[in-house]
Protein backbone atom coordinates (compact mmCIF):
# COMPACT_ATOMS: atom_id res chain seq x y z
CA UNK A 1 139.45 -16.88 170.35
CA UNK A 2 138.83 -15.08 173.16
CA UNK A 3 135.14 -13.77 173.95
CA UNK A 4 134.44 -10.91 175.93
CA UNK A 5 132.65 -11.58 179.17
CA UNK A 6 132.44 -15.18 178.47
CA UNK A 7 134.10 -17.70 180.99
CA UNK A 8 136.00 -20.79 179.75
CA UNK A 9 135.52 -23.55 179.00
CA UNK A 10 133.30 -21.96 176.16
CA UNK A 11 130.18 -23.94 175.18
CA UNK A 12 129.99 -24.65 171.68
CA UNK A 13 126.51 -25.90 170.80
CA UNK A 14 127.12 -28.91 168.39
CA UNK A 15 124.70 -28.30 165.14
CA UNK A 16 122.80 -26.10 167.42
CA UNK A 17 120.78 -28.01 170.41
CA UNK A 18 120.03 -31.31 168.43
CA UNK A 19 118.59 -32.99 171.32
CA UNK A 20 115.62 -30.82 171.59
CA UNK A 21 115.40 -29.69 167.69
CA UNK A 22 116.32 -31.16 164.71
CA UNK A 23 120.00 -30.33 164.10
CA UNK A 24 121.36 -27.61 161.82
CA UNK A 25 117.95 -25.40 161.93
CA UNK A 26 117.17 -22.27 162.83
CA UNK A 27 115.00 -23.74 165.71
CA UNK A 28 118.17 -25.57 166.72
CA UNK A 29 120.35 -22.70 166.80
CA UNK A 30 117.67 -20.31 168.50
CA UNK A 31 117.49 -22.99 171.30
CA UNK A 32 121.17 -23.00 171.81
CA UNK A 33 121.30 -19.30 172.06
CA UNK A 34 118.61 -19.75 174.88
CA UNK A 35 120.64 -22.40 176.51
CA UNK A 36 123.25 -20.18 176.72
CA UNK A 37 125.73 -21.56 174.39
CA UNK A 38 129.03 -19.30 173.50
CA UNK A 39 129.71 -20.52 170.38
CA UNK A 40 127.18 -21.87 167.66
CA UNK A 41 128.96 -24.79 165.52
CA UNK A 42 127.34 -25.93 162.16
CA UNK A 43 128.52 -27.76 158.99
CA UNK A 44 129.00 -26.43 155.74
CA UNK A 45 128.03 -27.79 151.86
CA UNK A 46 127.57 -25.71 148.72
CA UNK A 47 124.47 -25.87 146.52
CA UNK A 48 124.53 -26.39 142.95
CA UNK A 49 124.14 -22.42 142.51
CA UNK A 50 127.31 -21.79 144.90
CA UNK A 51 125.22 -21.05 148.45
CA UNK A 52 126.67 -22.17 151.70
CA UNK A 53 123.99 -24.32 153.42
CA UNK A 54 124.03 -25.81 156.90
CA UNK A 55 123.79 -29.43 156.51
CA UNK A 56 125.99 -32.14 157.98
CA UNK A 57 125.61 -34.73 155.30
CA UNK A 58 126.39 -34.66 151.47
CA UNK A 59 122.64 -35.51 150.61
CA UNK A 60 119.41 -34.18 152.24
CA UNK A 61 118.18 -37.84 152.66
CA UNK A 62 118.42 -38.29 156.64
CA UNK A 63 117.63 -34.75 157.69
CA UNK A 64 114.85 -33.52 155.49
CA UNK A 65 111.67 -35.08 153.72
CA UNK A 66 113.49 -34.94 150.23
CA UNK A 67 116.31 -37.13 148.45
CA UNK A 68 119.51 -36.19 146.56
CA UNK A 69 122.74 -34.60 146.83
CA UNK A 70 122.92 -30.93 148.12
CA UNK A 71 125.61 -30.17 145.59
CA UNK A 72 123.01 -31.02 142.93
CA UNK A 73 120.33 -29.08 143.97
CA UNK A 74 119.72 -25.25 144.01
CA UNK A 75 119.20 -23.55 147.20
CA UNK A 76 115.57 -22.73 146.32
CA UNK A 77 115.06 -26.35 146.14
CA UNK A 78 116.72 -27.34 149.14
CA UNK A 79 114.71 -24.82 151.28
CA UNK A 80 111.59 -26.16 149.89
CA UNK A 81 112.21 -29.34 151.92
CA UNK A 82 111.13 -29.88 155.35
CA UNK A 83 114.25 -30.26 157.89
CA UNK A 84 112.33 -31.48 160.53
CA UNK A 85 114.53 -34.76 160.60
CA UNK A 86 111.06 -36.30 160.87
CA UNK A 87 110.27 -34.87 164.24
CA UNK A 88 106.78 -33.77 164.78
CA UNK A 89 106.08 -29.94 165.50
CA UNK A 90 109.17 -28.83 163.17
CA UNK A 91 107.78 -29.39 160.00
CA UNK A 92 108.26 -25.79 158.90
CA UNK A 93 111.96 -25.60 159.58
CA UNK A 94 114.12 -25.77 156.51
CA UNK A 95 117.86 -25.83 155.61
CA UNK A 96 119.14 -22.55 156.50
CA UNK A 97 121.74 -20.87 154.32
CA UNK A 98 124.89 -19.27 156.16
CA UNK A 99 123.60 -15.87 155.60
CA UNK A 100 120.69 -16.78 157.83
CA UNK A 101 122.82 -18.10 160.58
CA UNK A 102 125.04 -15.02 160.46
CA UNK A 103 122.08 -12.77 160.72
CA UNK A 104 120.93 -14.63 163.98
CA UNK A 105 124.15 -14.45 165.66
CA UNK A 106 124.09 -11.94 168.53
CA UNK A 107 127.30 -9.63 168.78
CA UNK A 108 128.95 -11.64 171.58
CA UNK A 109 128.26 -15.04 170.16
CA UNK A 110 130.95 -16.92 167.95
CA UNK A 111 130.59 -19.19 164.99
CA UNK A 112 132.37 -22.50 164.31
CA UNK A 113 132.08 -23.55 160.76
CA UNK A 114 132.98 -27.04 159.74
CA UNK A 115 133.93 -27.44 156.13
CA UNK A 116 132.45 -30.67 154.79
CA UNK A 117 133.18 -30.85 151.25
CA UNK A 118 136.56 -30.45 149.15
CA UNK A 119 134.87 -27.57 147.38
CA UNK A 120 137.06 -25.93 150.17
CA UNK A 121 140.22 -27.01 148.70
CA UNK A 122 139.18 -24.35 145.87
CA UNK A 123 140.83 -20.66 146.53
CA UNK A 124 137.68 -19.29 144.90
CA UNK A 125 135.36 -21.01 147.36
CA UNK A 126 137.07 -20.01 150.33
CA UNK A 127 137.44 -16.43 149.31
CA UNK A 128 133.80 -16.42 148.91
CA UNK A 129 133.24 -17.78 152.28
CA UNK A 130 135.10 -14.91 153.81
CA UNK A 131 133.35 -12.42 151.47
CA UNK A 132 130.18 -13.50 152.63
CA UNK A 133 130.80 -13.40 156.36
CA UNK A 134 132.53 -10.14 156.18
CA UNK A 135 129.49 -7.79 155.75
CA UNK A 136 127.33 -9.29 158.67
CA UNK A 137 130.41 -8.68 161.14
CA UNK A 138 130.83 -11.96 161.91
CA UNK A 139 134.17 -12.94 160.34
CA UNK A 140 136.06 -11.72 163.30
CA UNK A 141 133.98 -14.21 165.65
CA UNK A 142 134.14 -17.22 163.17
CA UNK A 143 136.50 -20.41 163.63
CA UNK A 144 136.82 -22.61 160.48
CA UNK A 145 137.03 -26.33 161.70
CA UNK A 146 137.63 -29.49 159.61
CA UNK A 147 139.22 -33.23 159.94
CA UNK A 148 141.23 -31.99 156.49
CA UNK A 149 144.19 -30.15 156.90
CA UNK A 150 144.14 -29.18 153.03
CA UNK A 151 140.83 -27.46 153.56
CA UNK A 152 142.04 -25.46 156.70
CA UNK A 153 145.29 -24.63 154.75
CA UNK A 154 143.30 -23.18 151.72
CA UNK A 155 141.47 -20.88 154.19
CA UNK A 156 144.67 -19.82 155.78
CA UNK A 157 146.00 -19.16 152.28
CA UNK A 158 142.90 -16.86 151.38
CA UNK A 159 142.62 -15.19 155.13
CA UNK A 160 145.32 -15.70 157.18
CA UNK A 161 143.70 -14.14 160.16
CA UNK A 162 140.77 -16.66 160.54
CA UNK A 163 141.60 -19.05 163.25
CA UNK A 164 141.54 -22.60 162.15
CA UNK A 165 140.56 -25.86 163.95
CA UNK A 166 141.86 -29.39 163.20
CA UNK A 167 139.47 -32.10 164.08
CA UNK A 168 140.94 -35.56 164.68
CA UNK A 169 140.16 -39.12 165.72
CA UNK A 170 143.51 -40.40 164.44
CA UNK A 171 146.36 -38.39 166.35
CA UNK A 172 146.77 -38.56 169.79
CA UNK A 173 149.52 -35.55 170.10
CA UNK A 174 148.83 -31.76 169.29
CA UNK A 175 149.50 -31.03 165.72
CA UNK A 176 151.21 -27.51 165.09
CA UNK A 177 149.88 -24.90 162.51
CA UNK A 178 146.64 -24.63 163.70
CA UNK A 179 145.08 -22.40 166.50
CA UNK A 180 142.39 -25.02 167.90
CA UNK A 181 142.57 -28.71 168.53
CA UNK A 182 139.88 -30.80 168.35
CA UNK A 183 140.78 -34.23 169.37
CA UNK A 184 138.61 -37.39 169.91
CA UNK A 185 138.01 -37.28 173.42
CA UNK A 186 139.94 -40.32 174.91
CA UNK A 187 142.90 -38.68 173.71
CA UNK A 188 143.20 -35.97 176.21
CA UNK A 189 142.76 -38.93 178.92
CA UNK A 190 145.14 -41.20 177.33
CA UNK A 191 147.75 -38.40 177.09
CA UNK A 192 147.37 -35.96 180.19
CA UNK A 193 149.68 -33.35 178.97
CA UNK A 194 147.79 -33.06 175.54
CA UNK A 195 146.08 -29.71 176.77
CA UNK A 196 149.47 -28.58 178.59
CA UNK A 197 151.28 -29.39 175.36
CA UNK A 198 149.03 -27.41 173.07
CA UNK A 199 148.88 -24.36 175.46
CA UNK A 200 152.41 -24.12 175.13
CA UNK A 201 152.19 -23.66 171.69
CA UNK A 202 149.39 -20.98 172.01
CA UNK A 203 146.75 -23.58 170.67
CA UNK A 204 143.22 -23.87 172.40
CA UNK A 205 141.50 -27.36 173.10
CA UNK A 206 138.33 -28.73 172.62
CA UNK A 207 137.70 -32.49 172.90
CA UNK A 208 135.44 -33.95 170.29
CA UNK A 209 132.70 -35.27 172.65
CA UNK A 210 129.42 -34.05 171.91
CA UNK A 211 127.90 -36.09 175.08
CA UNK A 212 130.79 -34.26 177.56
CA UNK A 213 128.50 -33.96 180.64
CA UNK A 214 130.01 -37.04 182.63
CA UNK A 215 133.50 -35.76 181.89
CA UNK A 216 133.25 -32.01 182.54
CA UNK A 217 134.99 -31.99 185.87
CA UNK A 218 137.88 -33.77 184.06
CA UNK A 219 138.03 -31.17 181.03
CA UNK A 220 138.11 -28.19 183.49
CA UNK A 221 141.04 -29.79 185.46
CA UNK A 222 142.81 -30.54 182.38
CA UNK A 223 142.28 -26.69 181.24
CA UNK A 224 140.24 -27.36 178.14
CA UNK A 225 139.37 -24.25 176.62
CA UNK A 226 135.76 -25.09 175.02
CA UNK A 227 133.60 -28.12 175.55
CA UNK A 228 131.14 -29.45 172.64
CA UNK A 229 127.53 -30.53 173.41
CA UNK A 230 124.59 -31.74 171.43
CA UNK A 231 122.50 -30.51 174.38
CA UNK A 232 123.84 -27.11 175.34
CA UNK A 233 121.13 -26.68 177.96
CA UNK A 234 122.01 -29.58 180.14
CA UNK A 235 125.53 -29.00 179.82
CA UNK A 236 125.47 -25.20 180.65
CA UNK A 237 123.45 -26.24 183.57
CA UNK A 238 126.16 -28.70 184.70
CA UNK A 239 128.82 -26.03 184.04
CA UNK A 240 126.93 -23.65 186.21
CA UNK A 241 126.40 -26.17 188.98
CA UNK A 242 130.29 -26.77 188.90
CA UNK A 243 130.99 -23.11 189.11
CA UNK A 244 129.01 -22.55 192.57
């Protein structure tokens, strides 16, 4: 994925800015945009009424003031909860649905969606995802991510043009058949030709490292295409200092 007018490595906001704001909330995504993020990353689950919601866990227990499985709750019930993660000043934040995030996305910013449930092994679920992204004009700026190759392959089967990205904490060598690789960050240190090997296959690399600031120079030296950050404001400042 090439973003016009954006310099690599692209800055991916991991669940928005989850240091300053509660993760995966509209506040976190807005803050990440103001921080200068190039790509907003979020996690997707489905509600009981088949709505895509931006939440990391299979339950609402950790990030909201409610309890229960996301898959057993309607969108209305989930969005009635506070998604403040217990943080003062954010009590009015709710779990956003994918449509809300897509509507928030400026034209030059991309979207990374981590598929968190095996519902994405179902072709009808992947087709519904594509159909939801198309009207907003976001589909052409979206990459789907997962630790599960099965989920990624199902998306590719339904929509061959969507870039897919495989995240791994186990394989220290690039895997073919995907567009983006997200290896656990020590792999690109232990295997210094990892990025080169991926690039020879036409693949992009973004280390799985949500606290990357101390390793940014190395990632840039190796030619990583993107960096992930829990605090995109701080990471953007560090990248800008390096570019001077």
